[in-house]
Each structure stands twice: as structure tokens, then as C-alpha cells.
Amino acid sequence: MSTHTDETPFKCSLCSYAGTQSVYLKRHMLTHTDEKPFNCSLCSFKCTRSGNLRSHILKHMGEKPFKCSLCSYAGTQRSCLRRHMLTHVDNKPFNCSMCSYKCIRSENLKNHMLNHTNEKPFKCSLCSYASTQKKNLKTHMLTHTGEKPYKCSFCSYECSTSMRLRGHMLTHTGEKPFKCSLCSYVCTTSWLLKRHMLTHTGEKPFKCSLCSHACTTNGDLRIHILTHTGEKPYQCTVCSYKCTKSGSLKIHMLNHMGEKPYKCSLCDYKCTVSGNLKTHMFIHTGEKPYKCSLCTFKCTRSGGLKSHYVKSHG
């Protein structure tokens, strides 16, 4: 009955949260205590819900029971499938008044607007990192603890998020389910495909408020802003190396470890990042997936295509 009357009688004593059932309040309280009572027996993963643990176990088993009826996507959680289905929806009623961004949820628009206001309410207590989203802060904290709870069952790869692990697993299967409709580009995630499509449209919706720089993702804009502040929040614990990206720090750490987890199946080439392996494979296939829309130029790297545009058509 309470769900119909909008009553939320179960209120948190530590924040403004209110819920319709006591079980929801109990689950919410775990966010304040950081208690994670459900532990994976195969890795260090911990969580607050038994359902999340069941979904996590499926990742070890490789099972993805929730399948999209419109494309080859499959996931371990019904909620992930629901979120994926939104990528097939053309109607996006919530529009940003400052750029061309559109979305289907008002909550997503609110989070997006923080990119324009530069407001970052979620701040790290150990360094100057700040983010627009709480989940990003949680992931960032792993850079301080060194924890990598998501482990590949085929190689020694470890990472801090399930999304990165899913992307990595595709390097073993070779599967690239997302295909560009304008060229031969294929990739492992819908996000990468969306970013790639901007190379065809030339659109750069994220603009710096301090200079004329514009880019295709809000992550790239955040990194660019650091060139104005001079800040390098990610620091190596072994040497004096500092950088603006957590990914760059991870790659740098492999130099200390001597580890090169990405290996070519056709020759003895090894490297520290999957992107370099993908580019290397073009040597064997002869493929040049990045094509200029204004002339016959082709190349193996998106950076090479961008440089070509500037030099030849700029």
C-alpha cells in the first residue's frame, strides 16, 4: 500500500534516505557502515546483496543468461539487460541545454550537467581527486588500496571494475559485437562505438571553459582541464612518476613489474596494454580501419586519422 501512497516510513538516521520497507532500510544502512557480508569464494569480491553475489559468480562461470532480443548482447543481471535495452530506444526526451547530449532518464541528465558546471561533489579523502558520481569515487579509491577484485579466469589480468573485466574477456574470445554502420570499425562496448561515431560526424560536444579545446568525451575534458591546473593526481609508489590518468599509472606500474600480459597469437609480440596489441594485429591482417571521409587515406590508429585531418584538411 505504501508504494501507491508514496509513503516512505522507514527513514535513515544518518542521511535523507527513506524507503517503503524495513528490508530496504537495512540494506541501505550497509552503505554507511561499508559492511559487505556476502563474499565470493573464488576471489576477493564482496558485496551487500546476495543477488549481486549470485550475478558475480556467473562471471566466473562465463554464464550470461540475460540476452538481448535485438542484438548479440548478453549479461549476468536483468538490470544490466534493462539498461542495455535503452541503447536501442530512439526517443530520448531529456536534452541538455548546453550541448547536444540526450538521454532517457532525468537522473542521467542531472549527472551530465555537472560536467558543464564543473561541480564534483564526491571528493577523495586521500588526494585531490573529485568526481561527479559516487561510483567513480569508489572505483578511484581502489587506486589507493591497490585492490583489484575482478580477476580474469584465463590469464593474470586483474582490474577494479566488472566493466573492465568484461571488456578484457573479449580479448580472449575475439568477439566485437558492436559494429560501425559507416566503416569496418568493430569494438567490444557500445560506449566505444558511440565515441568512434564522433570521428565520422566531427562532433566534439565537450568544450573547455578556459580555452578553445573541445573533445568527444567528458573524461577527456576532465583530463584536459588538468593541463590548466598542472595537477597530476596519480602517483607511482615506486618512483617519482606522476600522471593525469589512472590508466596511465597502471600501465606505468607494469614497467616496474616487467609484466606484459597481452600476447600476440601469431608471433612473439607482447605488450602492456590491449590497445597496442589490437594495433599490432593490423600488421598481420593488413587492415586499416580508420578511413578519411574526405579522401582515400586509411590508417591503423584513430590518432593517425586525426593528425591526417589536421594536416591535410585542417
C-alpha atoms as a PDB file:
ATOM      1  CA  MET A   1       0.000   0.000   0.000  1.00  0.00           C
ATOM      2  CA  SER A   2       2.815   2.375   0.815  1.00  0.00           C
ATOM      3  CA  THR A   3       4.114   2.238  -2.743  1.00  0.00           C
ATOM      4  CA  HIS A   4       0.794   3.645  -4.002  1.00  0.00           C
ATOM      5  CA  THR A   5       0.513   6.412  -1.409  1.00  0.00           C
ATOM      6  CA  ASP A   6       4.192   7.378  -1.762  1.00  0.00           C
ATOM      7  CA  GLU A   7       4.662   6.823   1.973  1.00  0.00           C
ATOM      8  CA  THR A   8       8.232   6.082   2.977  1.00  0.00           C
ATOM      9  CA  PRO A   9       8.004   5.366   6.700  1.00  0.00           C
ATOM     10  CA  PHE A  10      11.440   3.770   7.065  1.00  0.00           C
ATOM     11  CA  LYS A  11      13.911   6.635   7.337  1.00  0.00           C
ATOM     12  CA  CYS A  12      17.698   6.608   7.679  1.00  0.00           C
ATOM     13  CA  SER A  13      19.030   8.369  10.786  1.00  0.00           C
ATOM     14  CA  LEU A  14      22.271   9.334   9.007  1.00  0.00           C
ATOM     15  CA  CYS A  15      21.011  10.824   5.731  1.00  0.00           C
ATOM     16  CA  SER A  16      17.836  11.773   3.900  1.00  0.00           C
ATOM     17  CA  TYR A  17      17.098   8.263   2.583  1.00  0.00           C
ATOM     18  CA  ALA A  18      13.604   6.929   3.161  1.00  0.00           C
ATOM     19  CA  GLY A  19      12.140   3.615   1.989  1.00  0.00           C
ATOM     20  CA  THR A  20       8.900   1.714   1.808  1.00  0.00           C
ATOM     21  CA  GLN A  21      10.132  -1.430   3.582  1.00  0.00           C
ATOM     22  CA  SER A  22      12.377  -2.158   6.550  1.00  0.00           C
ATOM     23  CA  VAL A  23      14.468  -4.581   4.473  1.00  0.00           C
ATOM     24  CA  TYR A  24      15.346  -1.733   2.099  1.00  0.00           C
ATOM     25  CA  LEU A  25      16.448   0.435   5.026  1.00  0.00           C
ATOM     26  CA  LYS A  26      18.628  -2.359   6.420  1.00  0.00           C
ATOM     27  CA  ARG A  27      20.273  -2.779   3.037  1.00  0.00           C
ATOM     28  CA  HIS A  28      20.768   0.989   2.742  1.00  0.00           C
ATOM     29  CA  MET A  29      22.477   1.173   6.157  1.00  0.00           C
ATOM     30  CA  LEU A  30      25.285  -1.006   4.785  1.00  0.00           C
ATOM     31  CA  THR A  31      26.312   1.951   2.587  1.00  0.00           C
ATOM     32  CA  HIS A  32      27.157   3.875   5.780  1.00  0.00           C
ATOM     33  CA  THR A  33      28.960   1.038   7.565  1.00  0.00           C
ATOM     34  CA  ASP A  34      30.782  -0.228   4.434  1.00  0.00           C
ATOM     35  CA  GLU A  35      29.844  -3.712   5.627  1.00  0.00           C
ATOM     36  CA  LYS A  36      29.758  -6.292   2.819  1.00  0.00           C
ATOM     37  CA  PRO A  37      28.523  -9.576   4.298  1.00  0.00           C
ATOM     38  CA  PHE A  38      28.416 -11.572   1.045  1.00  0.00           C
ATOM     39  CA  ASN A  39      31.855 -12.856  -0.026  1.00  0.00           C
ATOM     40  CA  CYS A  40      32.906 -14.636  -3.222  1.00  0.00           C
ATOM     41  CA  SER A  41      34.680 -17.959  -2.566  1.00  0.00           C
ATOM     42  CA  LEU A  42      36.680 -17.648  -5.813  1.00  0.00           C
ATOM     43  CA  CYS A  43      38.117 -14.128  -5.472  1.00  0.00           C
ATOM     44  CA  SER A  44      38.184 -11.147  -3.089  1.00  0.00           C
ATOM     45  CA  PHE A  45      34.852  -9.717  -4.292  1.00  0.00           C
ATOM     46  CA  LYS A  46      32.449  -8.631  -1.540  1.00  0.00           C
ATOM     47  CA  CYS A  47      29.000  -7.062  -1.730  1.00  0.00           C
ATOM     48  CA  THR A  48      25.943  -6.015   0.248  1.00  0.00           C
ATOM     49  CA  ARG A  49      23.340  -8.179  -1.535  1.00  0.00           C
ATOM     50  CA  SER A  50      23.050 -11.911  -2.098  1.00  0.00           C
ATOM     51  CA  GLY A  51      21.646 -11.214  -5.569  1.00  0.00           C
ATOM     52  CA  ASN A  52      24.757  -9.267  -6.521  1.00  0.00           C
ATOM     53  CA  LEU A  53      26.929 -12.154  -5.342  1.00  0.00           C
ATOM     54  CA  ARG A  54      24.937 -14.608  -7.475  1.00  0.00           C
ATOM     55  CA  SER A  55      25.403 -12.346 -10.505  1.00  0.00           C
ATOM     56  CA  HIS A  56      29.132 -12.053  -9.747  1.00  0.00           C
ATOM     57  CA  ILE A  57      29.520 -15.851  -9.594  1.00  0.00           C
ATOM     58  CA  LEU A  58      28.105 -16.043 -13.121  1.00  0.00           C
ATOM     59  CA  LYS A  59      31.130 -14.033 -14.309  1.00  0.00           C
ATOM     60  CA  HIS A  60      33.445 -16.787 -13.078  1.00  0.00           C
ATOM     61  CA  MET A  61      31.275 -19.403 -14.790  1.00  0.00           C
ATOM     62  CA  GLY A  62      31.082 -17.379 -18.018  1.00  0.00           C
ATOM     63  CA  GLU A  63      27.296 -17.705 -17.949  1.00  0.00           C
ATOM     64  CA  LYS A  64      25.175 -14.808 -19.238  1.00  0.00           C
ATOM     65  CA  PRO A  65      21.514 -15.811 -19.003  1.00  0.00           C
ATOM     66  CA  PHE A  66      20.011 -12.406 -19.834  1.00  0.00           C
ATOM     67  CA  LYS A  67      20.108 -11.955 -23.620  1.00  0.00           C
ATOM     68  CA  CYS A  68      19.055  -9.029 -25.799  1.00  0.00           C
ATOM     69  CA  SER A  69      16.411  -9.865 -28.427  1.00  0.00           C
ATOM     70  CA  LEU A  70      17.716  -7.154 -30.778  1.00  0.00           C
ATOM     71  CA  CYS A  71      21.485  -7.773 -30.821  1.00  0.00           C
ATOM     72  CA  SER A  72      24.122 -10.201 -29.537  1.00  0.00           C
ATOM     73  CA  TYR A  73      24.402  -8.601 -26.077  1.00  0.00           C
ATOM     74  CA  ALA A  74      24.141 -10.940 -23.090  1.00  0.00           C
ATOM     75  CA  GLY A  75      24.602 -10.119 -19.406  1.00  0.00           C
ATOM     76  CA  THR A  76      24.659 -11.630 -15.940  1.00  0.00           C
ATOM     77  CA  GLN A  77      21.990  -9.337 -14.470  1.00  0.00           C
ATOM     78  CA  ARG A  78      18.454  -8.466 -15.506  1.00  0.00           C
ATOM     79  CA  SER A  79      19.139  -4.848 -14.527  1.00  0.00           C
ATOM     80  CA  CYS A  80      22.113  -4.751 -16.937  1.00  0.00           C
ATOM     81  CA  LEU A  81      19.902  -6.058 -19.733  1.00  0.00           C
ATOM     82  CA  ARG A  82      17.272  -3.410 -18.974  1.00  0.00           C
ATOM     83  CA  ARG A  83      19.955  -0.726 -19.067  1.00  0.00           C
ATOM     84  CA  HIS A  84      21.318  -2.141 -22.326  1.00  0.00           C
ATOM     85  CA  MET A  85      17.857  -2.157 -23.948  1.00  0.00           C
ATOM     86  CA  LEU A  86      17.795   1.612 -23.539  1.00  0.00           C
ATOM     87  CA  THR A  87      20.560   1.828 -26.162  1.00  0.00           C
ATOM     88  CA  HIS A  88      18.006   0.614 -28.704  1.00  0.00           C
ATOM     89  CA  VAL A  89      15.485   3.310 -27.740  1.00  0.00           C
ATOM     90  CA  ASP A  90      15.457   6.242 -30.176  1.00  0.00           C
ATOM     91  CA  ASN A  91      13.291   8.531 -28.040  1.00  0.00           C
ATOM     92  CA  LYS A  92      15.477  10.440 -25.574  1.00  0.00           C
ATOM     93  CA  PRO A  93      13.224  13.095 -24.019  1.00  0.00           C
ATOM     94  CA  PHE A  94      15.795  14.726 -21.725  1.00  0.00           C
ATOM     95  CA  ASN A  95      18.011  17.204 -23.607  1.00  0.00           C
ATOM     96  CA  CYS A  96      20.996  19.188 -22.348  1.00  0.00           C
ATOM     97  CA  SER A  97      20.549  22.940 -22.869  1.00  0.00           C
ATOM     98  CA  MET A  98      24.311  23.460 -23.272  1.00  0.00           C
ATOM     99  CA  CYS A  99      25.290  20.719 -25.745  1.00  0.00           C
ATOM    100  CA  SER A 100      23.783  18.007 -27.930  1.00  0.00           C
ATOM    101  CA  TYR A 101      23.619  15.388 -25.164  1.00  0.00           C
ATOM    102  CA  LYS A 102      20.318  13.499 -24.872  1.00  0.00           C
ATOM    103  CA  CYS A 103      19.198  10.758 -22.532  1.00  0.00           C
ATOM    104  CA  ILE A 104      16.171   8.809 -21.426  1.00  0.00           C
ATOM    105  CA  ARG A 105      16.436   9.403 -17.655  1.00  0.00           C
ATOM    106  CA  SER A 106      16.293  12.699 -15.798  1.00  0.00           C
ATOM    107  CA  GLU A 107      18.884  11.360 -13.335  1.00  0.00           C
ATOM    108  CA  ASN A 108      21.382  10.884 -16.176  1.00  0.00           C
ATOM    109  CA  LEU A 109      20.796  14.462 -17.320  1.00  0.00           C
ATOM    110  CA  LYS A 110      21.435  15.781 -13.798  1.00  0.00           C
ATOM    111  CA  ASN A 111      24.731  13.893 -13.659  1.00  0.00           C
ATOM    112  CA  HIS A 112      25.661  15.145 -17.125  1.00  0.00           C
ATOM    113  CA  MET A 113      25.024  18.787 -16.188  1.00  0.00           C
ATOM    114  CA  LEU A 114      27.739  18.516 -13.539  1.00  0.00           C
ATOM    115  CA  ASN A 115      30.233  18.251 -16.419  1.00  0.00           C
ATOM    116  CA  HIS A 116      29.253  21.746 -17.565  1.00  0.00           C
ATOM    117  CA  THR A 117      29.196  23.304 -14.093  1.00  0.00           C
ATOM    118  CA  ASN A 118      32.481  21.549 -13.128  1.00  0.00           C
ATOM    119  CA  GLU A 119      30.804  20.626  -9.845  1.00  0.00           C
ATOM    120  CA  LYS A 120      32.289  17.473  -8.334  1.00  0.00           C
ATOM    121  CA  PRO A 121      30.561  16.746  -5.035  1.00  0.00           C
ATOM    122  CA  PHE A 122      32.259  13.391  -4.396  1.00  0.00           C
ATOM    123  CA  LYS A 123      35.793  14.038  -3.138  1.00  0.00           C
ATOM    124  CA  CYS A 124      38.621  11.664  -2.231  1.00  0.00           C
ATOM    125  CA  SER A 125      39.820  11.959   1.375  1.00  0.00           C
ATOM    126  CA  LEU A 126      43.369  10.893   0.436  1.00  0.00           C
ATOM    127  CA  CYS A 127      44.135  13.097  -2.584  1.00  0.00           C
ATOM    128  CA  SER A 128      42.659  15.923  -4.637  1.00  0.00           C
ATOM    129  CA  TYR A 129      40.521  13.656  -6.836  1.00  0.00           C
ATOM    130  CA  ALA A 130      36.872  14.645  -7.134  1.00  0.00           C
ATOM    131  CA  SER A 131      34.074  13.262  -9.275  1.00  0.00           C
ATOM    132  CA  THR A 132      30.518  13.900 -10.367  1.00  0.00           C
ATOM    133  CA  GLN A 133      29.435  10.389  -9.371  1.00  0.00           C
ATOM    134  CA  LYS A 134      29.756   8.333  -6.207  1.00  0.00           C
ATOM    135  CA  LYS A 135      30.534   5.133  -8.141  1.00  0.00           C
ATOM    136  CA  ASN A 136      33.526   6.839  -9.786  1.00  0.00           C
ATOM    137  CA  LEU A 137      34.872   7.788  -6.360  1.00  0.00           C
ATOM    138  CA  LYS A 138      34.554   4.186  -5.156  1.00  0.00           C
ATOM    139  CA  THR A 139      36.498   2.987  -8.193  1.00  0.00           C
ATOM    140  CA  HIS A 140      39.133   5.704  -7.652  1.00  0.00           C
ATOM    141  CA  MET A 141      39.666   4.617  -4.033  1.00  0.00           C
ATOM    142  CA  LEU A 142      40.925   1.286  -5.352  1.00  0.00           C
ATOM    143  CA  THR A 143      43.944   3.147  -6.787  1.00  0.00           C
ATOM    144  CA  HIS A 144      44.939   3.948  -3.184  1.00  0.00           C
ATOM    145  CA  THR A 145      44.247   0.483  -1.757  1.00  0.00           C
ATOM    146  CA  GLY A 146      45.673  -1.342  -4.775  1.00  0.00           C
ATOM    147  CA  GLU A 147      42.709  -3.693  -4.647  1.00  0.00           C
ATOM    148  CA  LYS A 148      41.681  -5.353  -7.917  1.00  0.00           C
ATOM    149  CA  PRO A 149      38.732  -7.574  -7.043  1.00  0.00           C
ATOM    150  CA  TYR A 150      37.914  -8.635 -10.612  1.00  0.00           C
ATOM    151  CA  LYS A 151      40.215 -11.366 -11.932  1.00  0.00           C
ATOM    152  CA  CYS A 152      40.381 -12.967 -15.371  1.00  0.00           C
ATOM    153  CA  SER A 153      39.928 -16.752 -15.318  1.00  0.00           C
ATOM    154  CA  PHE A 154      42.143 -17.174 -18.419  1.00  0.00           C
ATOM    155  CA  CYS A 155      45.210 -15.054 -17.586  1.00  0.00           C
ATOM    156  CA  SER A 156      46.752 -12.988 -14.783  1.00  0.00           C
ATOM    157  CA  TYR A 157      44.779  -9.841 -15.631  1.00  0.00           C
ATOM    158  CA  GLU A 158      43.134  -8.103 -12.659  1.00  0.00           C
ATOM    159  CA  CYS A 159      41.103  -4.908 -12.542  1.00  0.00           C
ATOM    160  CA  SER A 160      38.971  -2.721 -10.326  1.00  0.00           C
ATOM    161  CA  THR A 161      35.620  -2.824 -12.172  1.00  0.00           C
ATOM    162  CA  SER A 162      33.413  -5.524 -13.653  1.00  0.00           C
ATOM    163  CA  MET A 163      33.042  -3.463 -16.840  1.00  0.00           C
ATOM    164  CA  ARG A 164      36.797  -3.521 -17.455  1.00  0.00           C
ATOM    165  CA  LEU A 165      36.859  -7.261 -16.850  1.00  0.00           C
ATOM    166  CA  ARG A 166      34.039  -7.809 -19.356  1.00  0.00           C
ATOM    167  CA  GLY A 167      35.917  -5.755 -21.928  1.00  0.00           C
ATOM    168  CA  HIS A 168      39.121  -7.680 -21.215  1.00  0.00           C
ATOM    169  CA  MET A 169      37.397 -11.071 -21.583  1.00  0.00           C
ATOM    170  CA  LEU A 170      36.548 -10.172 -25.175  1.00  0.00           C
ATOM    171  CA  THR A 171      40.292 -10.037 -25.932  1.00  0.00           C
ATOM    172  CA  HIS A 172      40.315 -13.795 -25.286  1.00  0.00           C
ATOM    173  CA  THR A 173      37.179 -14.585 -27.283  1.00  0.00           C
ATOM    174  CA  GLY A 174      37.955 -12.097 -30.066  1.00  0.00           C
ATOM    175  CA  GLU A 175      34.299 -11.053 -30.006  1.00  0.00           C
ATOM    176  CA  LYS A 176      33.484  -7.480 -31.030  1.00  0.00           C
ATOM    177  CA  PRO A 177      29.689  -7.277 -31.090  1.00  0.00           C
ATOM    178  CA  PHE A 178      29.388  -3.530 -31.760  1.00  0.00           C
ATOM    179  CA  LYS A 179      29.849  -2.563 -35.423  1.00  0.00           C
ATOM    180  CA  CYS A 180      30.039   0.844 -37.097  1.00  0.00           C
ATOM    181  CA  SER A 181      27.436   1.332 -39.849  1.00  0.00           C
ATOM    182  CA  LEU A 182      29.734   3.685 -41.791  1.00  0.00           C
ATOM    183  CA  CYS A 183      33.045   1.803 -41.825  1.00  0.00           C
ATOM    184  CA  SER A 184      34.581  -1.533 -40.834  1.00  0.00           C
ATOM    185  CA  TYR A 185      35.249  -0.484 -37.228  1.00  0.00           C
ATOM    186  CA  VAL A 186      34.140  -3.012 -34.604  1.00  0.00           C
ATOM    187  CA  CYS A 187      34.561  -2.860 -30.826  1.00  0.00           C
ATOM    188  CA  THR A 188      33.720  -4.517 -27.543  1.00  0.00           C
ATOM    189  CA  THR A 189      31.374  -1.950 -25.950  1.00  0.00           C
ATOM    190  CA  SER A 190      28.544   0.352 -27.005  1.00  0.00           C
ATOM    191  CA  TRP A 191      30.407   3.255 -25.364  1.00  0.00           C
ATOM    192  CA  LEU A 192      33.431   2.756 -27.617  1.00  0.00           C
ATOM    193  CA  LEU A 193      31.161   2.650 -30.661  1.00  0.00           C
ATOM    194  CA  LYS A 194      29.466   5.915 -29.651  1.00  0.00           C
ATOM    195  CA  ARG A 195      32.855   7.579 -29.235  1.00  0.00           C
ATOM    196  CA  HIS A 196      34.005   6.220 -32.598  1.00  0.00           C
ATOM    197  CA  MET A 197      30.916   7.599 -34.365  1.00  0.00           C
ATOM    198  CA  LEU A 198      32.065  11.094 -33.407  1.00  0.00           C
ATOM    199  CA  THR A 199      35.055  10.610 -35.732  1.00  0.00           C
ATOM    200  CA  HIS A 200      32.571  10.450 -38.609  1.00  0.00           C
ATOM    201  CA  THR A 201      30.415  13.379 -37.508  1.00  0.00           C
ATOM    202  CA  GLY A 202      33.335  15.527 -36.306  1.00  0.00           C
ATOM    203  CA  GLU A 203      31.239  16.468 -33.282  1.00  0.00           C
ATOM    204  CA  LYS A 204      33.064  17.448 -30.093  1.00  0.00           C
ATOM    205  CA  PRO A 205      30.322  18.219 -27.580  1.00  0.00           C
ATOM    206  CA  PHE A 206      32.539  18.735 -24.524  1.00  0.00           C
ATOM    207  CA  LYS A 207      34.153  22.180 -24.535  1.00  0.00           C
ATOM    208  CA  CYS A 208      36.760  23.654 -22.185  1.00  0.00           C
ATOM    209  CA  SER A 209      35.653  26.833 -20.402  1.00  0.00           C
ATOM    210  CA  LEU A 210      39.262  28.073 -20.192  1.00  0.00           C
ATOM    211  CA  CYS A 211      40.359  27.715 -23.825  1.00  0.00           C
ATOM    212  CA  SER A 212      39.056  26.679 -27.241  1.00  0.00           C
ATOM    213  CA  HIS A 213      39.722  22.975 -26.717  1.00  0.00           C
ATOM    214  CA  ALA A 214      36.819  20.627 -27.470  1.00  0.00           C
ATOM    215  CA  CYS A 215      36.677  16.845 -27.225  1.00  0.00           C
ATOM    216  CA  THR A 216      34.404  13.856 -27.643  1.00  0.00           C
ATOM    217  CA  THR A 217      34.073  12.637 -24.032  1.00  0.00           C
ATOM    218  CA  ASN A 218      33.684  14.254 -20.639  1.00  0.00           C
ATOM    219  CA  GLY A 219      36.544  12.061 -19.397  1.00  0.00           C
ATOM    220  CA  ASP A 220      38.870  13.587 -21.996  1.00  0.00           C
ATOM    221  CA  LEU A 221      37.688  17.047 -20.950  1.00  0.00           C
ATOM    222  CA  ARG A 222      38.469  16.350 -17.284  1.00  0.00           C
ATOM    223  CA  ILE A 223      41.956  15.219 -18.241  1.00  0.00           C
ATOM    224  CA  HIS A 224      42.431  18.302 -20.432  1.00  0.00           C
ATOM    225  CA  ILE A 225      41.465  20.592 -17.536  1.00  0.00           C
ATOM    226  CA  LEU A 226      44.481  19.204 -15.668  1.00  0.00           C
ATOM    227  CA  THR A 227      46.736  20.843 -18.290  1.00  0.00           C
ATOM    228  CA  HIS A 228      45.468  24.188 -16.994  1.00  0.00           C
ATOM    229  CA  THR A 229      45.821  23.314 -13.317  1.00  0.00           C
ATOM    230  CA  GLY A 230      49.079  21.359 -13.702  1.00  0.00           C
ATOM    231  CA  GLU A 231      47.671  18.731 -11.370  1.00  0.00           C
ATOM    232  CA  LYS A 232      48.786  15.094 -11.714  1.00  0.00           C
ATOM    233  CA  PRO A 233      46.753  13.229  -9.118  1.00  0.00           C
ATOM    234  CA  TYR A 234      48.017   9.712  -9.876  1.00  0.00           C
ATOM    235  CA  GLN A 235      51.448   8.988  -8.351  1.00  0.00           C
ATOM    236  CA  CYS A 236      53.678   5.920  -8.601  1.00  0.00           C
ATOM    237  CA  THR A 237      54.568   4.351  -5.240  1.00  0.00           C
ATOM    238  CA  VAL A 238      57.912   3.066  -6.580  1.00  0.00           C
ATOM    239  CA  CYS A 239      59.341   6.147  -8.323  1.00  0.00           C
ATOM    240  CA  SER A 240      58.559   9.845  -8.817  1.00  0.00           C
ATOM    241  CA  TYR A 241      56.305   9.288 -11.850  1.00  0.00           C
ATOM    242  CA  LYS A 242      53.030  11.240 -11.830  1.00  0.00           C
ATOM    243  CA  CYS A 243      50.238  11.386 -14.391  1.00  0.00           C
ATOM    244  CA  THR A 244      46.725  12.602 -15.097  1.00  0.00           C
ATOM    245  CA  LYS A 245      45.095   9.213 -15.785  1.00  0.00           C
ATOM    246  CA  SER A 246      44.651   6.166 -13.571  1.00  0.00           C
ATOM    247  CA  GLY A 247      45.053   4.002 -16.685  1.00  0.00           C
ATOM    248  CA  SER A 248      48.433   5.594 -17.426  1.00  0.00           C
ATOM    249  CA  LEU A 249      49.573   4.824 -13.883  1.00  0.00           C
ATOM    250  CA  LYS A 250      48.519   1.181 -14.224  1.00  0.00           C
ATOM    251  CA  ILE A 251      50.443   0.860 -17.483  1.00  0.00           C
ATOM    252  CA  HIS A 252      53.477   2.541 -15.866  1.00  0.00           C
ATOM    253  CA  MET A 253      53.382   0.080 -12.951  1.00  0.00           C
ATOM    254  CA  LEU A 254      53.722  -2.804 -15.424  1.00  0.00           C
ATOM    255  CA  ASN A 255      57.148  -1.378 -16.334  1.00  0.00           C
ATOM    256  CA  HIS A 256      58.272  -1.910 -12.731  1.00  0.00           C
ATOM    257  CA  MET A 257      56.781  -5.401 -12.675  1.00  0.00           C
ATOM    258  CA  GLY A 258      58.155  -6.315 -16.113  1.00  0.00           C
ATOM    259  CA  GLU A 259      54.763  -7.785 -16.924  1.00  0.00           C
ATOM    260  CA  LYS A 260      53.376  -7.783 -20.470  1.00  0.00           C
ATOM    261  CA  PRO A 261      50.025  -9.577 -20.199  1.00  0.00           C
ATOM    262  CA  TYR A 262      48.874  -9.034 -23.789  1.00  0.00           C
ATOM    263  CA  LYS A 263      50.431 -11.570 -26.177  1.00  0.00           C
ATOM    264  CA  CYS A 264      50.046 -11.926 -29.950  1.00  0.00           C
ATOM    265  CA  SER A 265      48.779 -15.364 -31.022  1.00  0.00           C
ATOM    266  CA  LEU A 266      50.645 -15.151 -34.342  1.00  0.00           C
ATOM    267  CA  CYS A 267      54.130 -14.036 -33.258  1.00  0.00           C
ATOM    268  CA  ASP A 268      56.147 -13.404 -30.081  1.00  0.00           C
ATOM    269  CA  TYR A 269      54.986  -9.782 -29.666  1.00  0.00           C
ATOM    270  CA  LYS A 270      53.970  -8.805 -26.108  1.00  0.00           C
ATOM    271  CA  CYS A 271      52.774  -5.517 -24.645  1.00  0.00           C
ATOM    272  CA  THR A 272      51.364  -3.884 -21.546  1.00  0.00           C
ATOM    273  CA  VAL A 273      48.072  -2.558 -22.960  1.00  0.00           C
ATOM    274  CA  SER A 274      45.350  -4.233 -25.021  1.00  0.00           C
ATOM    275  CA  GLY A 275      45.134  -1.266 -27.400  1.00  0.00           C
ATOM    276  CA  ASN A 276      48.727  -1.797 -28.529  1.00  0.00           C
ATOM    277  CA  LEU A 277      48.004  -5.466 -29.197  1.00  0.00           C
ATOM    278  CA  LYS A 278      44.964  -4.572 -31.304  1.00  0.00           C
ATOM    279  CA  THR A 279      47.047  -2.133 -33.337  1.00  0.00           C
ATOM    280  CA  HIS A 280      49.816  -4.722 -33.692  1.00  0.00           C
ATOM    281  CA  MET A 281      47.351  -7.272 -35.113  1.00  0.00           C
ATOM    282  CA  PHE A 282      46.760  -4.953 -38.076  1.00  0.00           C
ATOM    283  CA  ILE A 283      50.319  -5.835 -39.185  1.00  0.00           C
ATOM    284  CA  HIS A 284      49.164  -9.418 -39.641  1.00  0.00           C
ATOM    285  CA  THR A 285      45.741  -8.650 -41.136  1.00  0.00           C
ATOM    286  CA  GLY A 286      46.771  -5.630 -43.219  1.00  0.00           C
ATOM    287  CA  GLU A 287      43.577  -3.936 -42.079  1.00  0.00           C
ATOM    288  CA  LYS A 288      43.368  -0.135 -41.861  1.00  0.00           C
ATOM    289  CA  PRO A 289      40.021   0.519 -40.172  1.00  0.00           C
ATOM    290  CA  TYR A 290      40.298   4.309 -39.852  1.00  0.00           C
ATOM    291  CA  LYS A 291      39.291   5.905 -43.157  1.00  0.00           C
ATOM    292  CA  CYS A 292      39.183   9.567 -44.092  1.00  0.00           C
ATOM    293  CA  SER A 293      35.733  10.696 -45.243  1.00  0.00           C
ATOM    294  CA  LEU A 294      37.288  13.372 -47.477  1.00  0.00           C
ATOM    295  CA  CYS A 295      39.939  11.368 -49.366  1.00  0.00           C
ATOM    296  CA  THR A 296      41.325   7.838 -49.764  1.00  0.00           C
ATOM    297  CA  PHE A 297      43.623   7.975 -46.704  1.00  0.00           C
ATOM    298  CA  LYS A 298      43.481   4.956 -44.373  1.00  0.00           C
ATOM    299  CA  CYS A 299      45.407   4.089 -41.216  1.00  0.00           C
ATOM    300  CA  THR A 300      45.541   1.749 -38.236  1.00  0.00           C
ATOM    301  CA  ARG A 301      45.118   4.296 -35.433  1.00  0.00           C
ATOM    302  CA  SER A 302      42.432   6.855 -34.629  1.00  0.00           C
ATOM    303  CA  GLY A 303      45.219   9.276 -33.671  1.00  0.00           C
ATOM    304  CA  GLY A 304      46.707   8.897 -37.134  1.00  0.00           C
ATOM    305  CA  LEU A 305      43.366   9.766 -38.709  1.00  0.00           C
ATOM    306  CA  LYS A 306      43.019  12.851 -36.504  1.00  0.00           C
ATOM    307  CA  SER A 307      46.521  14.002 -37.444  1.00  0.00           C
ATOM    308  CA  HIS A 308      45.695  13.465 -41.106  1.00  0.00           C
ATOM    309  CA  TYR A 309      42.572  15.633 -40.831  1.00  0.00           C
ATOM    310  CA  VAL A 310      44.596  18.449 -39.260  1.00  0.00           C
ATOM    311  CA  LYS A 311      47.487  18.282 -41.759  1.00  0.00           C
ATOM    312  CA  SER A 312      45.558  17.620 -44.963  1.00  0.00           C
ATOM    313  CA  HIS A 313      42.097  19.081 -44.447  1.00  0.00           C
ATOM    314  CA  GLY A 314      42.592  21.318 -41.443  1.00  0.00           C
END
